[in-house]
């Protein structure tokens, strides 16, 4: 039982740290996404492994509903089209799987959100670099010290930990906060 309590306390302690150090940047990221959606843009999310799952989770909260029954919001995870991902990986290399989708689907005014616990996922980095050249704003959900992603995104949200599981727990919490802010701002407390 003590072991479980220690895991939960470590997760809670990290969230307290993030509350103190990143609240302003999280609000800034939420507002960036909100303004894009208000202007007819979309949120494109990407990551690998657990971060791919988080991308899908956050996109589903926006296209479906978070807390309210309301109209669908434009968000997509670039991690879900297995035919495209495997074709791009096979024909152009795994490092291109997200950049090629950004090139095809992204438009100026959109937001690209990359998730990487290390901040060094090459396929995410390439996509974010391309997005910026296309006039797409960028957000990074990152861990550790931010890796290479910290310097290439408009808003780096760096979770101060090297524990992948704890970083991912905070990333999905940040994603939920962003979804809740967007929903409240667009639809009030319906």
N, C-alpha and C. Protein backbone atom coordinates (compact mmCIF):
# COMPACT_ATOMS: atom_id res chain seq x y z
N UNK A 1 0.82 -1.19 0.00
CA UNK A 1 0.00 0.00 0.00
C UNK A 1 0.87 1.26 0.00
N UNK A 2 1.96 1.24 0.74
CA UNK A 2 2.86 2.39 0.81
C UNK A 2 3.44 2.70 -0.58
N UNK A 3 3.74 1.65 -1.32
CA UNK A 3 4.29 1.81 -2.68
C UNK A 3 3.32 2.57 -3.57
N UNK A 4 2.06 2.20 -3.51
CA UNK A 4 1.03 2.87 -4.31
C UNK A 4 0.90 4.32 -3.87
N UNK A 5 0.89 4.54 -2.58
CA UNK A 5 0.80 5.90 -2.04
C UNK A 5 1.98 6.75 -2.54
N UNK A 6 3.16 6.17 -2.59
CA UNK A 6 4.34 6.89 -3.08
C UNK A 6 4.19 7.28 -4.55
N UNK A 7 3.66 6.37 -5.38
CA UNK A 7 3.42 6.70 -6.79
C UNK A 7 2.45 7.87 -6.93
N UNK A 8 1.36 7.80 -6.18
CA UNK A 8 0.35 8.85 -6.23
C UNK A 8 0.90 10.18 -5.72
N UNK A 9 1.67 10.14 -4.65
CA UNK A 9 2.26 11.37 -4.12
C UNK A 9 3.26 11.98 -5.09
N UNK A 10 4.05 11.15 -5.77
CA UNK A 10 5.01 11.66 -6.75
C UNK A 10 4.27 12.35 -7.90
N UNK A 11 3.16 11.77 -8.33
CA UNK A 11 2.36 12.38 -9.40
C UNK A 11 1.77 13.70 -8.93
N UNK A 12 1.21 13.71 -7.73
CA UNK A 12 0.61 14.93 -7.18
C UNK A 12 1.66 16.02 -6.97
N UNK A 13 2.83 15.65 -6.45
CA UNK A 13 3.89 16.63 -6.22
C UNK A 13 4.32 17.29 -7.53
N UNK A 14 4.44 16.50 -8.58
CA UNK A 14 4.84 17.05 -9.88
C UNK A 14 3.76 18.01 -10.41
N UNK A 15 2.50 17.67 -10.22
CA UNK A 15 1.42 18.56 -10.65
C UNK A 15 1.44 19.87 -9.86
N UNK A 16 1.76 19.82 -8.58
CA UNK A 16 1.90 21.05 -7.79
C UNK A 16 3.02 21.93 -8.36
N UNK A 17 4.16 21.30 -8.71
CA UNK A 17 5.27 22.05 -9.30
C UNK A 17 4.84 22.72 -10.60
N UNK A 18 4.13 21.98 -11.43
CA UNK A 18 3.67 22.51 -12.72
C UNK A 18 2.66 23.63 -12.49
N UNK A 19 1.80 23.49 -11.50
CA UNK A 19 0.83 24.55 -11.19
C UNK A 19 1.56 25.85 -10.86
N UNK A 20 2.65 25.75 -10.15
CA UNK A 20 3.41 26.95 -9.76
C UNK A 20 4.22 27.52 -10.92
N UNK A 21 4.76 26.66 -11.77
CA UNK A 21 5.71 27.14 -12.78
C UNK A 21 5.13 27.33 -14.18
N UNK A 22 4.05 26.64 -14.52
CA UNK A 22 3.57 26.67 -15.90
C UNK A 22 2.14 27.17 -16.10
N UNK A 23 1.45 27.57 -15.06
CA UNK A 23 0.04 27.98 -15.21
C UNK A 23 -0.14 29.07 -16.26
N UNK A 24 0.72 30.07 -16.26
CA UNK A 24 0.60 31.15 -17.23
C UNK A 24 0.82 30.67 -18.64
N UNK A 25 1.78 29.79 -18.84
CA UNK A 25 2.07 29.26 -20.18
C UNK A 25 0.96 28.32 -20.66
N UNK A 26 0.37 27.56 -19.74
CA UNK A 26 -0.75 26.69 -20.11
C UNK A 26 -1.93 27.54 -20.56
N UNK A 27 -2.21 28.63 -19.85
CA UNK A 27 -3.29 29.54 -20.25
C UNK A 27 -2.98 30.15 -21.63
N UNK A 28 -1.74 30.52 -21.85
CA UNK A 28 -1.33 31.07 -23.14
C UNK A 28 -1.56 30.04 -24.26
N UNK A 29 -1.22 28.78 -24.01
CA UNK A 29 -1.44 27.72 -24.99
C UNK A 29 -2.93 27.51 -25.25
N UNK A 30 -3.73 27.52 -24.19
CA UNK A 30 -5.18 27.36 -24.35
C UNK A 30 -5.74 28.49 -25.19
N UNK A 31 -5.30 29.71 -24.92
CA UNK A 31 -5.78 30.87 -25.69
C UNK A 31 -5.34 30.80 -27.15
N UNK A 32 -4.14 30.29 -27.41
CA UNK A 32 -3.68 30.13 -28.79
C UNK A 32 -4.60 29.16 -29.53
N UNK A 33 -4.93 28.03 -28.90
CA UNK A 33 -5.83 27.05 -29.52
C UNK A 33 -7.23 27.64 -29.69
N UNK A 34 -7.71 28.33 -28.68
CA UNK A 34 -9.03 28.95 -28.73
C UNK A 34 -9.14 29.93 -29.88
N UNK A 35 -8.17 30.80 -30.03
CA UNK A 35 -8.21 31.80 -31.11
C UNK A 35 -8.15 31.14 -32.47
N UNK A 36 -7.36 30.10 -32.61
CA UNK A 36 -7.30 29.37 -33.88
C UNK A 36 -8.68 28.80 -34.23
N UNK A 37 -9.30 28.15 -33.28
CA UNK A 37 -10.63 27.55 -33.52
C UNK A 37 -11.65 28.64 -33.82
N UNK A 38 -11.62 29.75 -33.09
CA UNK A 38 -12.54 30.86 -33.35
C UNK A 38 -12.40 31.40 -34.77
N UNK A 39 -11.18 31.38 -35.29
CA UNK A 39 -10.90 31.91 -36.63
C UNK A 39 -11.06 30.85 -37.73
N UNK A 40 -11.59 29.68 -37.39
CA UNK A 40 -11.80 28.63 -38.38
C UNK A 40 -10.62 27.70 -38.56
N UNK A 41 -9.63 27.79 -37.66
CA UNK A 41 -8.48 26.91 -37.73
C UNK A 41 -8.73 25.61 -36.98
N UNK A 42 -7.70 24.80 -36.95
CA UNK A 42 -7.80 23.50 -36.29
C UNK A 42 -6.55 23.23 -35.46
N UNK A 43 -6.68 22.27 -34.56
CA UNK A 43 -5.59 21.81 -33.74
C UNK A 43 -5.16 20.44 -34.27
N UNK A 44 -3.87 20.32 -34.62
CA UNK A 44 -3.30 19.06 -35.10
C UNK A 44 -2.31 18.57 -34.06
N UNK A 45 -2.51 17.34 -33.58
CA UNK A 45 -1.70 16.80 -32.49
C UNK A 45 -0.90 15.59 -32.95
N UNK A 46 0.28 15.43 -32.36
CA UNK A 46 1.12 14.29 -32.75
C UNK A 46 2.05 13.89 -31.62
N UNK A 47 2.44 12.63 -31.63
CA UNK A 47 3.40 12.08 -30.68
C UNK A 47 3.56 10.60 -30.96
N UNK A 48 4.44 9.96 -30.25
CA UNK A 48 4.72 8.54 -30.42
C UNK A 48 4.36 7.76 -29.16
N UNK A 49 3.92 6.53 -29.33
CA UNK A 49 3.61 5.68 -28.17
C UNK A 49 2.52 6.27 -27.30
N UNK A 50 2.81 6.43 -26.01
CA UNK A 50 1.83 7.01 -25.09
C UNK A 50 1.46 8.42 -25.48
N UNK A 51 2.39 9.15 -26.08
CA UNK A 51 2.11 10.52 -26.55
C UNK A 51 1.18 10.50 -27.76
N UNK A 52 1.23 9.44 -28.56
CA UNK A 52 0.27 9.29 -29.66
C UNK A 52 -1.12 9.09 -29.07
N UNK A 53 -1.19 8.26 -28.03
CA UNK A 53 -2.48 8.03 -27.37
C UNK A 53 -3.02 9.33 -26.78
N UNK A 54 -2.15 10.13 -26.17
CA UNK A 54 -2.58 11.42 -25.62
C UNK A 54 -3.07 12.35 -26.73
N UNK A 55 -2.41 12.32 -27.88
CA UNK A 55 -2.85 13.13 -29.03
C UNK A 55 -4.28 12.76 -29.42
N UNK A 56 -4.53 11.49 -29.50
CA UNK A 56 -5.86 11.01 -29.86
C UNK A 56 -6.88 11.36 -28.79
N UNK A 57 -6.51 11.22 -27.54
CA UNK A 57 -7.39 11.52 -26.42
C UNK A 57 -7.83 12.99 -26.46
N UNK A 58 -6.87 13.89 -26.61
CA UNK A 58 -7.18 15.33 -26.62
C UNK A 58 -8.03 15.69 -27.84
N UNK A 59 -7.68 15.16 -29.00
CA UNK A 59 -8.47 15.42 -30.21
C UNK A 59 -9.91 14.94 -30.03
N UNK A 60 -10.07 13.78 -29.42
CA UNK A 60 -11.42 13.24 -29.19
C UNK A 60 -12.22 14.11 -28.23
N UNK A 61 -11.57 14.68 -27.22
CA UNK A 61 -12.27 15.56 -26.28
C UNK A 61 -12.83 16.79 -27.01
N UNK A 62 -12.12 17.26 -28.04
CA UNK A 62 -12.56 18.45 -28.76
C UNK A 62 -13.58 18.13 -29.85
N UNK A 63 -13.37 17.06 -30.61
CA UNK A 63 -14.32 16.73 -31.66
C UNK A 63 -15.60 16.13 -31.10
N UNK A 64 -15.47 15.49 -29.94
CA UNK A 64 -16.64 14.92 -29.27
C UNK A 64 -17.19 15.92 -28.27
N UNK A 65 -16.87 15.67 -27.03
CA UNK A 65 -17.21 16.62 -25.98
C UNK A 65 -16.26 16.39 -24.83
N UNK A 66 -16.02 17.44 -24.09
CA UNK A 66 -15.22 17.30 -22.87
C UNK A 66 -16.18 17.15 -21.71
N UNK A 67 -16.87 18.22 -21.35
CA UNK A 67 -17.86 18.15 -20.29
C UNK A 67 -19.26 18.49 -20.77
N UNK A 68 -19.34 19.14 -21.93
CA UNK A 68 -20.64 19.64 -22.40
C UNK A 68 -21.03 19.02 -23.73
N UNK A 69 -22.33 18.86 -23.91
CA UNK A 69 -22.84 18.53 -25.24
C UNK A 69 -22.86 19.83 -26.02
N UNK A 70 -22.06 19.90 -27.07
CA UNK A 70 -21.92 21.12 -27.86
C UNK A 70 -21.44 20.73 -29.24
N UNK A 71 -21.32 21.73 -30.12
CA UNK A 71 -20.88 21.41 -31.47
C UNK A 71 -19.44 20.91 -31.46
N UNK A 72 -19.10 20.13 -32.46
CA UNK A 72 -17.75 19.57 -32.59
C UNK A 72 -16.75 20.68 -32.90
N UNK A 73 -15.54 20.53 -32.37
CA UNK A 73 -14.47 21.48 -32.61
C UNK A 73 -13.39 20.82 -33.46
N UNK A 74 -12.72 21.60 -34.28
CA UNK A 74 -11.77 21.09 -35.26
C UNK A 74 -10.44 20.69 -34.60
N UNK A 75 -10.24 19.40 -34.45
CA UNK A 75 -9.00 18.86 -33.90
C UNK A 75 -8.78 17.48 -34.50
N UNK A 76 -7.53 17.17 -34.82
CA UNK A 76 -7.23 15.84 -35.32
C UNK A 76 -5.88 15.38 -34.84
N UNK A 77 -5.80 14.09 -34.57
CA UNK A 77 -4.54 13.46 -34.19
C UNK A 77 -3.91 12.91 -35.46
N UNK A 78 -2.68 13.27 -35.71
CA UNK A 78 -1.97 12.81 -36.90
C UNK A 78 -1.40 11.40 -36.71
N UNK A 79 -1.87 10.72 -35.69
CA UNK A 79 -1.36 9.41 -35.30
C UNK A 79 -2.30 8.26 -35.66
N UNK A 80 -3.44 8.56 -36.30
CA UNK A 80 -4.48 7.54 -36.41
C UNK A 80 -4.64 6.88 -37.78
N UNK A 81 -4.12 7.47 -38.83
CA UNK A 81 -4.31 6.92 -40.17
C UNK A 81 -3.18 5.95 -40.48
N UNK A 82 -3.40 4.66 -40.15
CA UNK A 82 -2.33 3.68 -40.30
C UNK A 82 -1.87 3.51 -41.73
N UNK A 83 -2.76 3.65 -42.69
CA UNK A 83 -2.35 3.53 -44.09
C UNK A 83 -1.39 4.64 -44.47
N UNK A 84 -1.73 5.89 -44.11
CA UNK A 84 -0.82 7.00 -44.39
C UNK A 84 0.48 6.87 -43.62
N UNK A 85 0.40 6.57 -42.34
CA UNK A 85 1.60 6.48 -41.52
C UNK A 85 2.55 5.41 -42.05
N UNK A 86 2.01 4.24 -42.39
CA UNK A 86 2.90 3.18 -42.86
C UNK A 86 3.41 3.46 -44.26
N UNK A 87 2.60 4.06 -45.11
CA UNK A 87 3.07 4.42 -46.46
C UNK A 87 4.16 5.49 -46.36
N UNK A 88 3.93 6.52 -45.57
CA UNK A 88 4.93 7.58 -45.41
C UNK A 88 6.21 7.04 -44.79
N UNK A 89 6.07 6.22 -43.77
CA UNK A 89 7.24 5.63 -43.13
C UNK A 89 8.03 4.76 -44.09
N UNK A 90 7.32 3.98 -44.88
CA UNK A 90 7.97 3.08 -45.84
C UNK A 90 8.61 3.85 -46.99
N UNK A 91 7.89 4.81 -47.54
CA UNK A 91 8.34 5.50 -48.75
C UNK A 91 9.29 6.67 -48.47
N UNK A 92 9.12 7.35 -47.35
CA UNK A 92 9.90 8.56 -47.08
C UNK A 92 10.71 8.49 -45.79
N UNK A 93 10.45 7.52 -44.94
CA UNK A 93 11.14 7.39 -43.65
C UNK A 93 10.22 7.79 -42.50
N UNK A 94 10.37 7.07 -41.39
CA UNK A 94 9.50 7.29 -40.22
C UNK A 94 9.58 8.72 -39.72
N UNK A 95 10.72 9.37 -39.90
CA UNK A 95 10.89 10.73 -39.41
C UNK A 95 10.01 11.74 -40.15
N UNK A 96 9.37 11.32 -41.25
CA UNK A 96 8.53 12.24 -42.05
C UNK A 96 7.04 12.07 -41.82
N UNK A 97 6.63 11.10 -41.00
CA UNK A 97 5.21 10.73 -40.96
C UNK A 97 4.28 11.87 -40.53
N UNK A 98 4.75 12.76 -39.70
CA UNK A 98 3.91 13.87 -39.27
C UNK A 98 4.11 15.10 -40.16
N UNK A 99 5.32 15.36 -40.60
CA UNK A 99 5.59 16.52 -41.45
C UNK A 99 4.80 16.43 -42.76
N UNK A 100 4.74 15.25 -43.35
CA UNK A 100 3.99 15.11 -44.61
C UNK A 100 2.50 15.39 -44.39
N UNK A 101 1.97 14.98 -43.25
CA UNK A 101 0.56 15.25 -42.96
C UNK A 101 0.34 16.74 -42.69
N UNK A 102 1.27 17.39 -42.00
CA UNK A 102 1.18 18.84 -41.79
C UNK A 102 1.18 19.54 -43.15
N UNK A 103 2.07 19.11 -44.03
CA UNK A 103 2.15 19.71 -45.37
C UNK A 103 0.82 19.57 -46.11
N UNK A 104 0.19 18.43 -45.99
CA UNK A 104 -1.06 18.17 -46.70
C UNK A 104 -2.27 18.84 -46.06
N UNK A 105 -2.33 18.86 -44.74
CA UNK A 105 -3.55 19.25 -44.03
C UNK A 105 -3.48 20.60 -43.33
N UNK A 106 -2.28 21.07 -43.05
CA UNK A 106 -2.12 22.29 -42.27
C UNK A 106 -2.30 23.55 -43.08
N UNK A 107 -2.80 24.58 -42.43
CA UNK A 107 -2.99 25.89 -43.04
C UNK A 107 -2.56 26.96 -42.04
N UNK A 108 -2.14 28.09 -42.55
CA UNK A 108 -1.80 29.21 -41.69
C UNK A 108 -2.99 29.50 -40.78
N UNK A 109 -2.73 29.71 -39.52
CA UNK A 109 -3.80 29.94 -38.55
C UNK A 109 -4.14 28.71 -37.73
N UNK A 110 -3.67 27.54 -38.17
CA UNK A 110 -3.85 26.33 -37.39
C UNK A 110 -2.85 26.31 -36.24
N UNK A 111 -3.00 25.33 -35.37
CA UNK A 111 -2.03 25.09 -34.29
C UNK A 111 -1.57 23.64 -34.38
N UNK A 112 -0.26 23.43 -34.33
CA UNK A 112 0.33 22.09 -34.26
C UNK A 112 0.84 21.87 -32.85
N UNK A 113 0.40 20.78 -32.24
CA UNK A 113 0.80 20.47 -30.87
C UNK A 113 1.57 19.16 -30.88
N UNK A 114 2.86 19.24 -30.58
CA UNK A 114 3.71 18.06 -30.52
C UNK A 114 3.90 17.61 -29.08
N UNK A 115 3.82 16.30 -28.87
CA UNK A 115 4.00 15.74 -27.53
C UNK A 115 5.19 14.79 -27.56
N UNK A 116 6.15 15.04 -26.66
CA UNK A 116 7.35 14.19 -26.58
C UNK A 116 7.92 14.31 -25.18
N UNK A 117 7.98 13.19 -24.46
CA UNK A 117 8.51 13.26 -23.10
C UNK A 117 9.99 13.64 -23.09
N UNK A 118 10.72 13.26 -24.13
CA UNK A 118 12.15 13.61 -24.20
C UNK A 118 12.38 14.96 -24.86
N UNK A 119 11.45 15.37 -25.72
CA UNK A 119 11.65 16.58 -26.50
C UNK A 119 12.57 16.37 -27.69
N UNK A 120 12.86 15.12 -28.00
CA UNK A 120 13.80 14.82 -29.07
C UNK A 120 13.25 13.88 -30.14
N UNK A 121 11.95 13.71 -30.22
CA UNK A 121 11.36 12.82 -31.23
C UNK A 121 11.50 13.47 -32.60
N UNK A 122 12.32 12.87 -33.44
CA UNK A 122 12.67 13.47 -34.73
C UNK A 122 11.44 13.71 -35.60
N UNK A 123 10.50 12.78 -35.62
CA UNK A 123 9.32 12.96 -36.48
C UNK A 123 8.45 14.12 -36.01
N UNK A 124 8.38 14.34 -34.72
CA UNK A 124 7.62 15.47 -34.17
C UNK A 124 8.37 16.78 -34.45
N UNK A 125 9.67 16.78 -34.25
CA UNK A 125 10.48 17.98 -34.48
C UNK A 125 10.38 18.43 -35.94
N UNK A 126 10.51 17.51 -36.86
CA UNK A 126 10.42 17.88 -38.29
C UNK A 126 9.06 18.49 -38.62
N UNK A 127 8.00 17.91 -38.06
CA UNK A 127 6.66 18.44 -38.32
C UNK A 127 6.49 19.84 -37.74
N UNK A 128 7.00 20.06 -36.55
CA UNK A 128 6.86 21.38 -35.92
C UNK A 128 7.68 22.43 -36.67
N UNK A 129 8.85 22.06 -37.12
CA UNK A 129 9.67 23.00 -37.90
C UNK A 129 8.95 23.38 -39.19
N UNK A 130 8.38 22.39 -39.88
CA UNK A 130 7.64 22.67 -41.11
C UNK A 130 6.43 23.54 -40.81
N UNK A 131 5.71 23.21 -39.75
CA UNK A 131 4.52 23.97 -39.39
C UNK A 131 4.84 25.46 -39.25
N UNK A 132 5.93 25.76 -38.59
CA UNK A 132 6.29 27.17 -38.38
C UNK A 132 6.56 27.88 -39.71
N UNK A 133 7.14 27.18 -40.68
CA UNK A 133 7.39 27.81 -41.98
C UNK A 133 6.09 28.06 -42.74
N UNK A 134 5.03 27.34 -42.35
CA UNK A 134 3.73 27.46 -43.01
C UNK A 134 2.80 28.45 -42.31
N UNK A 135 3.28 29.14 -41.28
CA UNK A 135 2.43 30.07 -40.54
C UNK A 135 1.52 29.40 -39.54
N UNK A 136 1.88 28.19 -39.14
CA UNK A 136 1.12 27.43 -38.15
C UNK A 136 1.81 27.63 -36.80
N UNK A 137 1.04 28.02 -35.79
CA UNK A 137 1.60 28.20 -34.45
C UNK A 137 1.86 26.84 -33.82
N UNK A 138 2.83 26.78 -32.90
CA UNK A 138 3.25 25.49 -32.36
C UNK A 138 3.32 25.50 -30.83
N UNK A 139 2.93 24.36 -30.28
CA UNK A 139 2.98 24.12 -28.84
C UNK A 139 3.69 22.80 -28.63
N UNK A 140 4.53 22.72 -27.61
CA UNK A 140 5.17 21.46 -27.26
C UNK A 140 4.81 21.04 -25.85
N UNK A 141 4.29 19.82 -25.71
CA UNK A 141 4.15 19.18 -24.41
C UNK A 141 5.43 18.35 -24.28
N UNK A 142 6.32 18.75 -23.38
CA UNK A 142 7.65 18.18 -23.31
C UNK A 142 7.96 17.79 -21.87
N UNK A 143 8.97 16.94 -21.70
CA UNK A 143 9.45 16.59 -20.37
C UNK A 143 10.93 16.87 -20.26
N UNK A 144 11.51 16.31 -19.20
CA UNK A 144 12.95 16.47 -18.95
C UNK A 144 13.32 17.95 -18.95
N UNK A 145 14.26 18.33 -19.77
CA UNK A 145 14.66 19.73 -19.87
C UNK A 145 14.20 20.35 -21.18
N UNK A 146 13.36 19.64 -21.90
CA UNK A 146 12.79 20.18 -23.13
C UNK A 146 13.40 19.67 -24.40
N UNK A 147 14.57 19.08 -24.31
CA UNK A 147 15.22 18.55 -25.50
C UNK A 147 15.32 19.59 -26.62
N UNK A 148 15.39 19.12 -27.84
CA UNK A 148 15.48 20.01 -28.99
C UNK A 148 14.18 20.76 -29.26
N UNK A 149 13.06 20.20 -28.82
CA UNK A 149 11.75 20.84 -29.08
C UNK A 149 11.61 22.18 -28.39
N UNK A 150 12.24 22.34 -27.26
CA UNK A 150 12.05 23.57 -26.46
C UNK A 150 12.34 24.82 -27.27
N UNK A 151 13.29 24.74 -28.19
CA UNK A 151 13.70 25.92 -28.94
C UNK A 151 13.00 26.08 -30.28
N UNK A 152 12.14 25.14 -30.65
CA UNK A 152 11.49 25.26 -31.97
C UNK A 152 9.99 25.48 -31.90
N UNK A 153 9.42 25.49 -30.70
CA UNK A 153 7.98 25.72 -30.58
C UNK A 153 7.72 27.12 -30.03
N UNK A 154 6.55 27.66 -30.35
CA UNK A 154 6.15 28.97 -29.83
C UNK A 154 5.93 28.91 -28.32
N UNK A 155 5.30 27.83 -27.85
CA UNK A 155 5.04 27.68 -26.42
C UNK A 155 5.52 26.30 -25.97
N UNK A 156 6.69 26.24 -25.30
CA UNK A 156 7.15 24.96 -24.75
C UNK A 156 6.60 24.77 -23.33
N UNK A 157 5.83 23.72 -23.14
CA UNK A 157 5.31 23.39 -21.81
C UNK A 157 6.15 22.22 -21.29
N UNK A 158 7.19 22.55 -20.55
CA UNK A 158 8.19 21.57 -20.12
C UNK A 158 7.88 21.09 -18.70
N UNK A 159 7.51 19.82 -18.58
CA UNK A 159 7.25 19.21 -17.28
C UNK A 159 8.60 18.86 -16.66
N UNK A 160 8.90 19.41 -15.49
CA UNK A 160 10.22 19.25 -14.89
C UNK A 160 10.43 17.90 -14.21
N UNK A 161 10.58 16.87 -15.04
CA UNK A 161 10.79 15.52 -14.54
C UNK A 161 11.48 14.70 -15.62
N UNK A 162 12.15 13.62 -15.21
CA UNK A 162 12.72 12.68 -16.17
C UNK A 162 11.99 11.34 -16.11
N UNK A 163 10.92 11.26 -15.34
CA UNK A 163 10.13 10.04 -15.19
C UNK A 163 9.01 10.06 -16.24
N UNK A 164 9.15 9.20 -17.25
CA UNK A 164 8.22 9.21 -18.38
C UNK A 164 6.76 9.08 -17.94
N UNK A 165 6.48 8.18 -17.03
CA UNK A 165 5.09 7.98 -16.59
C UNK A 165 4.53 9.24 -15.94
N UNK A 166 5.30 9.86 -15.07
CA UNK A 166 4.83 11.08 -14.41
C UNK A 166 4.67 12.22 -15.42
N UNK A 167 5.58 12.33 -16.38
CA UNK A 167 5.47 13.36 -17.42
C UNK A 167 4.17 13.17 -18.19
N UNK A 168 3.90 11.94 -18.60
CA UNK A 168 2.68 11.66 -19.37
C UNK A 168 1.42 11.97 -18.57
N UNK A 169 1.44 11.70 -17.27
CA UNK A 169 0.29 12.03 -16.42
C UNK A 169 0.03 13.53 -16.41
N UNK A 170 1.09 14.31 -16.37
CA UNK A 170 0.93 15.76 -16.39
C UNK A 170 0.51 16.24 -17.77
N UNK A 171 1.05 15.63 -18.83
CA UNK A 171 0.66 16.04 -20.18
C UNK A 171 -0.84 15.90 -20.39
N UNK A 172 -1.41 14.78 -19.98
CA UNK A 172 -2.85 14.62 -20.21
C UNK A 172 -3.65 15.57 -19.31
N UNK A 173 -3.13 15.89 -18.14
CA UNK A 173 -3.79 16.88 -17.29
C UNK A 173 -3.78 18.25 -17.97
N UNK A 174 -2.64 18.64 -18.53
CA UNK A 174 -2.56 19.91 -19.26
C UNK A 174 -3.52 19.89 -20.45
N UNK A 175 -3.58 18.77 -21.17
CA UNK A 175 -4.52 18.65 -22.28
C UNK A 175 -5.95 18.84 -21.83
N UNK A 176 -6.31 18.25 -20.70
CA UNK A 176 -7.67 18.42 -20.17
C UNK A 176 -7.94 19.88 -19.78
N UNK A 177 -6.96 20.53 -19.19
CA UNK A 177 -7.14 21.94 -18.83
C UNK A 177 -7.39 22.78 -20.07
N UNK A 178 -6.62 22.55 -21.11
CA UNK A 178 -6.79 23.30 -22.37
C UNK A 178 -8.19 23.04 -22.94
N UNK A 179 -8.61 21.79 -22.95
CA UNK A 179 -9.96 21.46 -23.47
C UNK A 179 -11.04 22.16 -22.65
N UNK A 180 -10.89 22.16 -21.35
CA UNK A 180 -11.90 22.79 -20.49
C UNK A 180 -11.96 24.30 -20.71
N UNK A 181 -10.81 24.94 -20.84
CA UNK A 181 -10.80 26.38 -21.09
C UNK A 181 -11.44 26.69 -22.43
N UNK A 182 -11.10 25.95 -23.45
CA UNK A 182 -11.70 26.17 -24.78
C UNK A 182 -13.21 26.01 -24.71
N UNK A 183 -13.66 24.94 -24.09
CA UNK A 183 -15.10 24.68 -24.00
C UNK A 183 -15.82 25.78 -23.21
N UNK A 184 -15.26 26.19 -22.08
CA UNK A 184 -15.91 27.23 -21.28
C UNK A 184 -15.95 28.57 -22.04
N UNK A 185 -14.87 28.91 -22.71
CA UNK A 185 -14.82 30.18 -23.43
C UNK A 185 -15.77 30.20 -24.61
N UNK A 186 -15.92 29.10 -25.31
CA UNK A 186 -16.79 29.06 -26.48
C UNK A 186 -18.25 28.84 -26.15
N UNK A 187 -18.50 28.10 -25.08
CA UNK A 187 -19.87 27.68 -24.82
C UNK A 187 -20.38 28.03 -23.43
N UNK A 188 -19.59 28.72 -22.62
CA UNK A 188 -20.01 29.06 -21.27
C UNK A 188 -20.14 27.82 -20.43
N UNK A 189 -21.00 27.86 -19.46
CA UNK A 189 -21.21 26.71 -18.56
C UNK A 189 -22.55 26.06 -18.87
N UNK A 190 -22.79 25.79 -20.14
CA UNK A 190 -24.08 25.19 -20.55
C UNK A 190 -24.33 23.87 -19.87
